[in-house]
Amino acid sequence: MRHSAPKKIRSVHNLLRSPLFELFQLLMLFSAIFWLFATGSRNLNYNWQWYQIPQYLVIPSAKGLSAGPLLQGLLITLQISAISLMVSLLIGLITAVFRLSASPVAGLLARLYIEIIRNTPLLIQLFFIYFVLGPLLGLDRLPAAILSLSLFEGAYIAEIFRSGILSVAREQYEAAYSLGLSPYATYRHVILPQAIRTVLPPLTSQAISLIKDSALVSTIAIYDLTMQAQSIIAETFLTFEVWLTVAVLYLIITIALSYLAGVLEHRLKLP
């Protein structure tokens, strides 16, 4: 009888973390959202026209199916997000190393970068880079958007990396130095592999934030998913249908990213 309670607790915990329970929660969430919008549309006398949405996702032709405006915008969003994520990871790692270095100049530069970026809105940074630095550096819309997102997310990723590096025990550094490893080799083979296990969950959250923040690039006329949706709504007035479809597309991306991060986190766990 003493061991029955912990077993029940473990079974309930496993049930709550099972994919089927997560799917059930997702279905309940969609059902609640659908009920909310259905109730609101009846009060507004809104005429739903879902049958028009497929043509904006895929376009049938003699050669087969091709991507419609929303899928074309989704590809642009994925392209911007993927490149920005890679660049921001590099910026964040370098900035974190600078923050932890013994050089006062490197530490000051890293701190100034983090404080300025984190305490100003992304939209202002995007406008500044595109309208001010863009003409000076010859940056087009797409490079300006990628640079803005990379710098903005890199400041947050730097703090995530720094906390992960600080979580590694000091004895690990001493052991690596006693083996004759250089500072670069110590970080490459000893510190970062251990820090990654700690920072992977917050990095996943930051990557999801980056994907959602990428919607702001529509303000500089980049035809990403959000901009394509605005164009379709301006022509058809299918406000609810289009925005709900866009929300589902964003949700699919973020859920897939969370799942991949969970698989990677499971693989990186210590035996």
C-alpha atoms as a PDB file:
ATOM      1  CA  MET A   1       0.000   0.000   0.000  1.00  0.00           C
ATOM      2  CA  ARG A   2       2.913   2.337   0.656  1.00  0.00           C
ATOM      3  CA  HIS A   3       4.056   2.144  -2.954  1.00  0.00           C
ATOM      4  CA  SER A   4       0.590   2.447  -4.513  1.00  0.00           C
ATOM      5  CA  ALA A   5       0.367   6.242  -4.125  1.00  0.00           C
ATOM      6  CA  PRO A   6       3.681   7.019  -5.907  1.00  0.00           C
ATOM      7  CA  LYS A   7       2.719   4.621  -8.704  1.00  0.00           C
ATOM      8  CA  LYS A   8      -0.619   6.362  -9.130  1.00  0.00           C
ATOM      9  CA  ILE A   9       1.114   9.738  -9.172  1.00  0.00           C
ATOM     10  CA  ARG A  10       3.575   8.530 -11.811  1.00  0.00           C
ATOM     11  CA  SER A  11       0.783   7.073 -13.935  1.00  0.00           C
ATOM     12  CA  VAL A  12      -1.175  10.333 -13.770  1.00  0.00           C
ATOM     13  CA  HIS A  13       1.991  12.296 -14.598  1.00  0.00           C
ATOM     14  CA  ASN A  14       2.694  10.059 -17.608  1.00  0.00           C
ATOM     15  CA  LEU A  15      -0.904  10.438 -18.753  1.00  0.00           C
ATOM     16  CA  LEU A  16      -0.702  14.227 -18.573  1.00  0.00           C
ATOM     17  CA  ARG A  17       2.510  14.220 -20.645  1.00  0.00           C
ATOM     18  CA  SER A  18       1.265  11.720 -23.238  1.00  0.00           C
ATOM     19  CA  PRO A  19       0.813  12.879 -26.853  1.00  0.00           C
ATOM     20  CA  LEU A  20      -2.823  11.756 -26.784  1.00  0.00           C
ATOM     21  CA  PHE A  21      -3.595  14.025 -23.848  1.00  0.00           C
ATOM     22  CA  GLU A  22      -1.822  16.929 -25.576  1.00  0.00           C
ATOM     23  CA  LEU A  23      -3.867  16.231 -28.705  1.00  0.00           C
ATOM     24  CA  PHE A  24      -7.030  16.186 -26.591  1.00  0.00           C
ATOM     25  CA  GLN A  25      -6.095  19.569 -25.087  1.00  0.00           C
ATOM     26  CA  LEU A  26      -5.460  20.967 -28.560  1.00  0.00           C
ATOM     27  CA  LEU A  27      -8.838  19.724 -29.812  1.00  0.00           C
ATOM     28  CA  MET A  28     -10.570  21.237 -26.789  1.00  0.00           C
ATOM     29  CA  LEU A  29      -8.811  24.547 -27.435  1.00  0.00           C
ATOM     30  CA  PHE A  30      -9.858  24.574 -31.092  1.00  0.00           C
ATOM     31  CA  SER A  31     -13.401  23.640 -30.109  1.00  0.00           C
ATOM     32  CA  ALA A  32     -13.563  26.535 -27.638  1.00  0.00           C
ATOM     33  CA  ILE A  33     -12.176  28.968 -30.230  1.00  0.00           C
ATOM     34  CA  PHE A  34     -14.610  27.704 -32.854  1.00  0.00           C
ATOM     35  CA  TRP A  35     -17.529  28.077 -30.441  1.00  0.00           C
ATOM     36  CA  LEU A  36     -16.400  31.595 -29.531  1.00  0.00           C
ATOM     37  CA  PHE A  37     -16.173  32.730 -33.134  1.00  0.00           C
ATOM     38  CA  ALA A  38     -19.407  30.972 -34.101  1.00  0.00           C
ATOM     39  CA  THR A  39     -21.242  32.720 -31.281  1.00  0.00           C
ATOM     40  CA  GLY A  40     -19.688  36.059 -32.157  1.00  0.00           C
ATOM     41  CA  SER A  41     -20.507  35.676 -35.858  1.00  0.00           C
ATOM     42  CA  ARG A  42     -24.159  34.973 -35.068  1.00  0.00           C
ATOM     43  CA  ASN A  43     -24.315  38.161 -33.006  1.00  0.00           C
ATOM     44  CA  LEU A  44     -22.598  40.106 -35.792  1.00  0.00           C
ATOM     45  CA  ASN A  45     -24.615  38.433 -38.562  1.00  0.00           C
ATOM     46  CA  TYR A  46     -21.309  37.520 -40.219  1.00  0.00           C
ATOM     47  CA  ASN A  47     -21.500  35.292 -43.294  1.00  0.00           C
ATOM     48  CA  TRP A  48     -18.642  32.775 -43.172  1.00  0.00           C
ATOM     49  CA  GLN A  49     -17.083  31.998 -46.557  1.00  0.00           C
ATOM     50  CA  TRP A  50     -14.569  29.259 -45.803  1.00  0.00           C
ATOM     51  CA  TYR A  51     -14.996  27.806 -49.294  1.00  0.00           C
ATOM     52  CA  GLN A  52     -12.917  30.688 -50.682  1.00  0.00           C
ATOM     53  CA  ILE A  53      -9.846  30.002 -48.502  1.00  0.00           C
ATOM     54  CA  PRO A  54      -8.404  26.944 -50.376  1.00  0.00           C
ATOM     55  CA  GLN A  55      -7.720  29.030 -53.494  1.00  0.00           C
ATOM     56  CA  TYR A  56      -5.357  31.199 -51.443  1.00  0.00           C
ATOM     57  CA  LEU A  57      -3.467  28.154 -50.163  1.00  0.00           C
ATOM     58  CA  VAL A  58      -3.039  26.148 -53.367  1.00  0.00           C
ATOM     59  CA  ILE A  59      -3.725  27.067 -56.980  1.00  0.00           C
ATOM     60  CA  PRO A  60      -4.760  24.247 -59.340  1.00  0.00           C
ATOM     61  CA  SER A  61      -3.407  24.391 -62.884  1.00  0.00           C
ATOM     62  CA  ALA A  62      -2.763  22.134 -65.846  1.00  0.00           C
ATOM     63  CA  LYS A  63       0.639  21.229 -64.398  1.00  0.00           C
ATOM     64  CA  GLY A  64      -0.798  20.394 -60.980  1.00  0.00           C
ATOM     65  CA  LEU A  65      -1.039  22.301 -57.737  1.00  0.00           C
ATOM     66  CA  SER A  66       1.092  25.342 -57.012  1.00  0.00           C
ATOM     67  CA  ALA A  67       1.453  27.460 -53.886  1.00  0.00           C
ATOM     68  CA  GLY A  68      -1.149  30.153 -53.411  1.00  0.00           C
ATOM     69  CA  PRO A  69      -0.497  33.584 -51.892  1.00  0.00           C
ATOM     70  CA  LEU A  70      -0.709  32.388 -48.284  1.00  0.00           C
ATOM     71  CA  LEU A  71       1.696  29.486 -48.819  1.00  0.00           C
ATOM     72  CA  GLN A  72       4.040  31.765 -50.764  1.00  0.00           C
ATOM     73  CA  GLY A  73       4.005  34.167 -47.837  1.00  0.00           C
ATOM     74  CA  LEU A  74       4.555  31.259 -45.461  1.00  0.00           C
ATOM     75  CA  LEU A  75       7.680  30.240 -47.386  1.00  0.00           C
ATOM     76  CA  ILE A  76       9.015  33.799 -47.113  1.00  0.00           C
ATOM     77  CA  THR A  77       8.281  33.769 -43.365  1.00  0.00           C
ATOM     78  CA  LEU A  78      10.115  30.456 -42.951  1.00  0.00           C
ATOM     79  CA  GLN A  79      13.061  31.708 -44.993  1.00  0.00           C
ATOM     80  CA  ILE A  80      13.393  34.913 -42.964  1.00  0.00           C
ATOM     81  CA  SER A  81      12.935  33.070 -39.661  1.00  0.00           C
ATOM     82  CA  ALA A  82      15.443  30.314 -40.462  1.00  0.00           C
ATOM     83  CA  ILE A  83      18.201  32.684 -41.578  1.00  0.00           C
ATOM     84  CA  SER A  84      17.535  35.083 -38.706  1.00  0.00           C
ATOM     85  CA  LEU A  85      17.644  32.226 -36.203  1.00  0.00           C
ATOM     86  CA  MET A  86      21.028  31.012 -37.433  1.00  0.00           C
ATOM     87  CA  VAL A  87      22.492  34.530 -37.392  1.00  0.00           C
ATOM     88  CA  SER A  88      20.983  35.369 -33.999  1.00  0.00           C
ATOM     89  CA  LEU A  89      22.400  32.171 -32.479  1.00  0.00           C
ATOM     90  CA  LEU A  90      25.854  33.171 -33.699  1.00  0.00           C
ATOM     91  CA  ILE A  91      25.438  36.742 -32.453  1.00  0.00           C
ATOM     92  CA  GLY A  92      24.107  35.529 -29.112  1.00  0.00           C
ATOM     93  CA  LEU A  93      26.938  33.066 -28.571  1.00  0.00           C
ATOM     94  CA  ILE A  94      29.636  35.618 -29.406  1.00  0.00           C
ATOM     95  CA  THR A  95      27.981  38.245 -27.206  1.00  0.00           C
ATOM     96  CA  ALA A  96      27.702  35.794 -24.304  1.00  0.00           C
ATOM     97  CA  VAL A  97      31.387  34.940 -24.569  1.00  0.00           C
ATOM     98  CA  PHE A  98      32.195  38.657 -24.638  1.00  0.00           C
ATOM     99  CA  ARG A  99      30.087  39.220 -21.505  1.00  0.00           C
ATOM    100  CA  LEU A 100      32.011  36.482 -19.697  1.00  0.00           C
ATOM    101  CA  SER A 101      35.464  37.445 -20.962  1.00  0.00           C
ATOM    102  CA  ALA A 102      38.084  39.151 -18.831  1.00  0.00           C
ATOM    103  CA  SER A 103      38.367  42.001 -21.339  1.00  0.00           C
ATOM    104  CA  PRO A 104      36.600  45.125 -20.025  1.00  0.00           C
ATOM    105  CA  VAL A 105      36.177  46.482 -23.574  1.00  0.00           C
ATOM    106  CA  ALA A 106      34.495  43.288 -24.837  1.00  0.00           C
ATOM    107  CA  GLY A 107      32.284  43.155 -21.754  1.00  0.00           C
ATOM    108  CA  LEU A 108      31.271  46.800 -22.139  1.00  0.00           C
ATOM    109  CA  LEU A 109      30.451  46.418 -25.848  1.00  0.00           C
ATOM    110  CA  ALA A 110      28.381  43.309 -25.176  1.00  0.00           C
ATOM    111  CA  ARG A 111      26.492  44.960 -22.341  1.00  0.00           C
ATOM    112  CA  LEU A 112      25.779  48.104 -24.373  1.00  0.00           C
ATOM    113  CA  TYR A 113      24.477  46.002 -27.264  1.00  0.00           C
ATOM    114  CA  ILE A 114      22.206  43.947 -25.003  1.00  0.00           C
ATOM    115  CA  GLU A 115      20.829  46.923 -23.100  1.00  0.00           C
ATOM    116  CA  ILE A 116      20.150  49.026 -26.198  1.00  0.00           C
ATOM    117  CA  ILE A 117      18.490  46.224 -28.152  1.00  0.00           C
ATOM    118  CA  ARG A 118      16.417  44.837 -25.285  1.00  0.00           C
ATOM    119  CA  ASN A 119      15.137  48.247 -24.212  1.00  0.00           C
ATOM    120  CA  THR A 120      13.947  49.494 -27.606  1.00  0.00           C
ATOM    121  CA  PRO A 121      10.993  48.132 -29.617  1.00  0.00           C
ATOM    122  CA  LEU A 122      11.697  45.792 -32.517  1.00  0.00           C
ATOM    123  CA  LEU A 123       9.545  47.908 -34.838  1.00  0.00           C
ATOM    124  CA  ILE A 124      11.694  50.996 -34.173  1.00  0.00           C
ATOM    125  CA  GLN A 125      14.862  48.976 -34.804  1.00  0.00           C
ATOM    126  CA  LEU A 126      13.387  47.614 -38.037  1.00  0.00           C
ATOM    127  CA  PHE A 127      12.523  51.106 -39.284  1.00  0.00           C
ATOM    128  CA  PHE A 128      15.933  52.468 -38.262  1.00  0.00           C
ATOM    129  CA  ILE A 129      17.844  49.713 -40.055  1.00  0.00           C
ATOM    130  CA  TYR A 130      15.696  49.835 -43.190  1.00  0.00           C
ATOM    131  CA  PHE A 131      15.164  53.598 -43.582  1.00  0.00           C
ATOM    132  CA  VAL A 132      18.444  54.913 -42.072  1.00  0.00           C
ATOM    133  CA  LEU A 133      21.118  52.229 -42.354  1.00  0.00           C
ATOM    134  CA  GLY A 134      19.598  50.600 -45.427  1.00  0.00           C
ATOM    135  CA  PRO A 135      20.389  53.444 -47.848  1.00  0.00           C
ATOM    136  CA  LEU A 136      23.866  53.885 -46.300  1.00  0.00           C
ATOM    137  CA  LEU A 137      24.772  50.186 -46.465  1.00  0.00           C
ATOM    138  CA  GLY A 138      22.809  49.337 -49.595  1.00  0.00           C
ATOM    139  CA  LEU A 139      20.470  46.948 -47.781  1.00  0.00           C
ATOM    140  CA  ASP A 140      17.316  45.826 -49.521  1.00  0.00           C
ATOM    141  CA  ARG A 141      14.118  44.980 -47.641  1.00  0.00           C
ATOM    142  CA  LEU A 142      14.892  41.308 -47.060  1.00  0.00           C
ATOM    143  CA  PRO A 143      18.466  41.768 -45.712  1.00  0.00           C
ATOM    144  CA  ALA A 144      17.277  44.653 -43.534  1.00  0.00           C
ATOM    145  CA  ALA A 145      14.510  42.492 -42.070  1.00  0.00           C
ATOM    146  CA  ILE A 146      16.893  39.591 -41.388  1.00  0.00           C
ATOM    147  CA  LEU A 147      19.454  41.905 -39.785  1.00  0.00           C
ATOM    148  CA  SER A 148      16.816  43.528 -37.566  1.00  0.00           C
ATOM    149  CA  LEU A 149      15.409  40.213 -36.350  1.00  0.00           C
ATOM    150  CA  SER A 150      18.890  38.752 -35.847  1.00  0.00           C
ATOM    151  CA  LEU A 151      20.106  41.668 -33.753  1.00  0.00           C
ATOM    152  CA  PHE A 152      16.912  41.792 -31.704  1.00  0.00           C
ATOM    153  CA  GLU A 153      16.731  38.071 -30.950  1.00  0.00           C
ATOM    154  CA  GLY A 154      20.506  37.825 -30.548  1.00  0.00           C
ATOM    155  CA  ALA A 155      20.405  40.081 -27.487  1.00  0.00           C
ATOM    156  CA  TYR A 156      17.985  37.741 -25.718  1.00  0.00           C
ATOM    157  CA  ILE A 157      19.803  34.626 -26.887  1.00  0.00           C
ATOM    158  CA  ALA A 158      23.048  36.067 -25.513  1.00  0.00           C
ATOM    159  CA  GLU A 159      21.591  36.139 -22.012  1.00  0.00           C
ATOM    160  CA  ILE A 160      20.258  32.605 -22.456  1.00  0.00           C
ATOM    161  CA  PHE A 161      23.690  31.359 -23.504  1.00  0.00           C
ATOM    162  CA  ARG A 162      25.352  33.263 -20.673  1.00  0.00           C
ATOM    163  CA  SER A 163      23.101  31.676 -18.063  1.00  0.00           C
ATOM    164  CA  GLY A 164      23.737  28.249 -19.570  1.00  0.00           C
ATOM    165  CA  ILE A 165      27.507  28.722 -19.521  1.00  0.00           C
ATOM    166  CA  LEU A 166      27.397  29.980 -15.936  1.00  0.00           C
ATOM    167  CA  SER A 167      25.437  26.879 -14.935  1.00  0.00           C
ATOM    168  CA  VAL A 168      28.421  24.665 -15.785  1.00  0.00           C
ATOM    169  CA  ALA A 169      30.458  23.895 -12.686  1.00  0.00           C
ATOM    170  CA  ARG A 170      33.763  25.729 -12.304  1.00  0.00           C
ATOM    171  CA  GLU A 171      35.511  22.385 -11.853  1.00  0.00           C
ATOM    172  CA  GLN A 172      34.814  21.631 -15.514  1.00  0.00           C
ATOM    173  CA  TYR A 173      36.940  24.594 -16.561  1.00  0.00           C
ATOM    174  CA  GLU A 174      39.733  23.603 -14.216  1.00  0.00           C
ATOM    175  CA  ALA A 175      39.689  20.005 -15.452  1.00  0.00           C
ATOM    176  CA  ALA A 176      39.851  21.141 -19.075  1.00  0.00           C
ATOM    177  CA  TYR A 177      42.738  23.517 -18.393  1.00  0.00           C
ATOM    178  CA  SER A 178      44.585  20.808 -16.466  1.00  0.00           C
ATOM    179  CA  LEU A 179      44.390  18.623 -19.570  1.00  0.00           C
ATOM    180  CA  GLY A 180      46.053  21.373 -21.597  1.00  0.00           C
ATOM    181  CA  LEU A 181      42.976  22.450 -23.568  1.00  0.00           C
ATOM    182  CA  SER A 182      42.925  25.944 -24.985  1.00  0.00           C
ATOM    183  CA  PRO A 183      40.053  28.320 -24.093  1.00  0.00           C
ATOM    184  CA  TYR A 184      38.493  27.659 -27.510  1.00  0.00           C
ATOM    185  CA  ALA A 185      38.764  23.880 -27.101  1.00  0.00           C
ATOM    186  CA  THR A 186      37.402  24.126 -23.560  1.00  0.00           C
ATOM    187  CA  TYR A 187      34.286  25.919 -24.741  1.00  0.00           C
ATOM    188  CA  ARG A 188      33.948  23.752 -27.850  1.00  0.00           C
ATOM    189  CA  HIS A 189      34.328  20.312 -26.269  1.00  0.00           C
ATOM    190  CA  VAL A 190      33.522  20.764 -22.579  1.00  0.00           C
ATOM    191  CA  ILE A 191      31.430  23.820 -21.703  1.00  0.00           C
ATOM    192  CA  LEU A 192      29.032  24.316 -24.619  1.00  0.00           C
ATOM    193  CA  PRO A 193      27.890  20.662 -24.897  1.00  0.00           C
ATOM    194  CA  GLN A 194      26.828  20.824 -21.239  1.00  0.00           C
ATOM    195  CA  ALA A 195      25.326  24.301 -21.534  1.00  0.00           C
ATOM    196  CA  ILE A 196      23.201  23.307 -24.546  1.00  0.00           C
ATOM    197  CA  ARG A 197      21.234  20.865 -22.402  1.00  0.00           C
ATOM    198  CA  THR A 198      20.317  23.723 -20.085  1.00  0.00           C
ATOM    199  CA  VAL A 199      19.549  26.395 -22.669  1.00  0.00           C
ATOM    200  CA  LEU A 200      17.606  24.306 -25.192  1.00  0.00           C
ATOM    201  CA  PRO A 201      14.120  24.935 -23.679  1.00  0.00           C
ATOM    202  CA  PRO A 202      14.527  28.745 -23.470  1.00  0.00           C
ATOM    203  CA  LEU A 203      16.150  28.763 -26.917  1.00  0.00           C
ATOM    204  CA  THR A 204      13.073  27.000 -28.275  1.00  0.00           C
ATOM    205  CA  SER A 205      10.843  29.650 -26.735  1.00  0.00           C
ATOM    206  CA  GLN A 206      13.012  32.354 -28.266  1.00  0.00           C
ATOM    207  CA  ALA A 207      12.865  30.693 -31.687  1.00  0.00           C
ATOM    208  CA  ILE A 208       9.067  30.632 -31.451  1.00  0.00           C
ATOM    209  CA  SER A 209       9.117  34.322 -30.497  1.00  0.00           C
ATOM    210  CA  LEU A 210      11.287  35.019 -33.533  1.00  0.00           C
ATOM    211  CA  ILE A 211       8.764  33.356 -35.846  1.00  0.00           C
ATOM    212  CA  LYS A 212       5.957  35.445 -34.371  1.00  0.00           C
ATOM    213  CA  ASP A 213       8.052  38.633 -34.414  1.00  0.00           C
ATOM    214  CA  SER A 214       8.775  38.065 -38.112  1.00  0.00           C
ATOM    215  CA  ALA A 215       5.219  39.255 -38.818  1.00  0.00           C
ATOM    216  CA  LEU A 216       6.517  42.810 -38.307  1.00  0.00           C
ATOM    217  CA  VAL A 217       8.545  42.648 -41.535  1.00  0.00           C
ATOM    218  CA  SER A 218       5.261  43.230 -43.366  1.00  0.00           C
ATOM    219  CA  THR A 219       5.574  46.870 -42.266  1.00  0.00           C
ATOM    220  CA  ILE A 220       8.401  47.362 -44.786  1.00  0.00           C
ATOM    221  CA  ALA A 221       6.406  45.766 -47.623  1.00  0.00           C
ATOM    222  CA  ILE A 222       7.860  42.261 -47.495  1.00  0.00           C
ATOM    223  CA  TYR A 223       5.196  39.859 -48.719  1.00  0.00           C
ATOM    224  CA  ASP A 224       5.446  37.382 -45.895  1.00  0.00           C
ATOM    225  CA  LEU A 225       2.470  35.495 -44.498  1.00  0.00           C
ATOM    226  CA  THR A 226       1.067  38.529 -42.676  1.00  0.00           C
ATOM    227  CA  MET A 227       1.440  40.864 -45.655  1.00  0.00           C
ATOM    228  CA  GLN A 228      -0.194  38.375 -47.991  1.00  0.00           C
ATOM    229  CA  ALA A 229      -3.091  38.042 -45.554  1.00  0.00           C
ATOM    230  CA  GLN A 230      -3.541  41.810 -45.427  1.00  0.00           C
ATOM    231  CA  SER A 231      -3.579  41.978 -49.236  1.00  0.00           C
ATOM    232  CA  ILE A 232      -6.196  39.218 -49.503  1.00  0.00           C
ATOM    233  CA  ILE A 233      -8.382  40.854 -46.846  1.00  0.00           C
ATOM    234  CA  ALA A 234      -8.177  44.204 -48.654  1.00  0.00           C
ATOM    235  CA  GLU A 235      -9.490  42.551 -51.833  1.00  0.00           C
ATOM    236  CA  THR A 236     -12.046  40.099 -50.435  1.00  0.00           C
ATOM    237  CA  PHE A 237     -13.007  41.369 -46.931  1.00  0.00           C
ATOM    238  CA  LEU A 238     -12.654  37.779 -45.633  1.00  0.00           C
ATOM    239  CA  THR A 239     -11.253  39.100 -42.377  1.00  0.00           C
ATOM    240  CA  PHE A 240     -12.015  36.295 -39.951  1.00  0.00           C
ATOM    241  CA  GLU A 241     -11.421  33.438 -42.374  1.00  0.00           C
ATOM    242  CA  VAL A 242      -8.019  34.703 -43.503  1.00  0.00           C
ATOM    243  CA  TRP A 243      -6.713  35.639 -40.054  1.00  0.00           C
ATOM    244  CA  LEU A 244      -7.855  32.337 -38.554  1.00  0.00           C
ATOM    245  CA  THR A 245      -6.097  30.488 -41.373  1.00  0.00           C
ATOM    246  CA  VAL A 246      -2.932  32.512 -40.771  1.00  0.00           C
ATOM    247  CA  ALA A 247      -3.155  31.766 -37.046  1.00  0.00           C
ATOM    248  CA  VAL A 248      -3.433  28.038 -37.754  1.00  0.00           C
ATOM    249  CA  LEU A 249      -0.399  28.171 -40.063  1.00  0.00           C
ATOM    250  CA  TYR A 250       1.661  29.928 -37.393  1.00  0.00           C
ATOM    251  CA  LEU A 251       0.409  27.424 -34.833  1.00  0.00           C
ATOM    252  CA  ILE A 252       1.477  24.480 -36.998  1.00  0.00           C
ATOM    253  CA  ILE A 253       4.981  25.936 -37.349  1.00  0.00           C
ATOM    254  CA  THR A 254       5.437  26.608 -33.640  1.00  0.00           C
ATOM    255  CA  ILE A 255       4.046  23.218 -32.584  1.00  0.00           C
ATOM    256  CA  ALA A 256       6.352  21.456 -35.040  1.00  0.00           C
ATOM    257  CA  LEU A 257       9.312  23.434 -33.737  1.00  0.00           C
ATOM    258  CA  SER A 258       8.408  22.621 -30.124  1.00  0.00           C
ATOM    259  CA  TYR A 259       8.124  18.933 -31.000  1.00  0.00           C
ATOM    260  CA  LEU A 260      11.515  18.870 -32.737  1.00  0.00           C
ATOM    261  CA  ALA A 261      13.085  20.679 -29.789  1.00  0.00           C
ATOM    262  CA  GLY A 262      11.532  18.142 -27.409  1.00  0.00           C
ATOM    263  CA  VAL A 263      12.995  15.261 -29.424  1.00  0.00           C
ATOM    264  CA  LEU A 264      16.408  16.938 -29.451  1.00  0.00           C
ATOM    265  CA  GLU A 265      16.206  17.654 -25.724  1.00  0.00           C
ATOM    266  CA  HIS A 266      15.381  13.987 -25.062  1.00  0.00           C
ATOM    267  CA  ARG A 267      18.384  12.870 -27.122  1.00  0.00           C
ATOM    268  CA  LEU A 268      20.719  15.243 -25.287  1.00  0.00           C
ATOM    269  CA  LYS A 269      19.704  14.080 -21.836  1.00  0.00           C
ATOM    270  CA  LEU A 270      22.375  12.409 -19.802  1.00  0.00           C
ATOM    271  CA  PRO A 271      21.846   8.652 -19.409  1.00  0.00           C
END
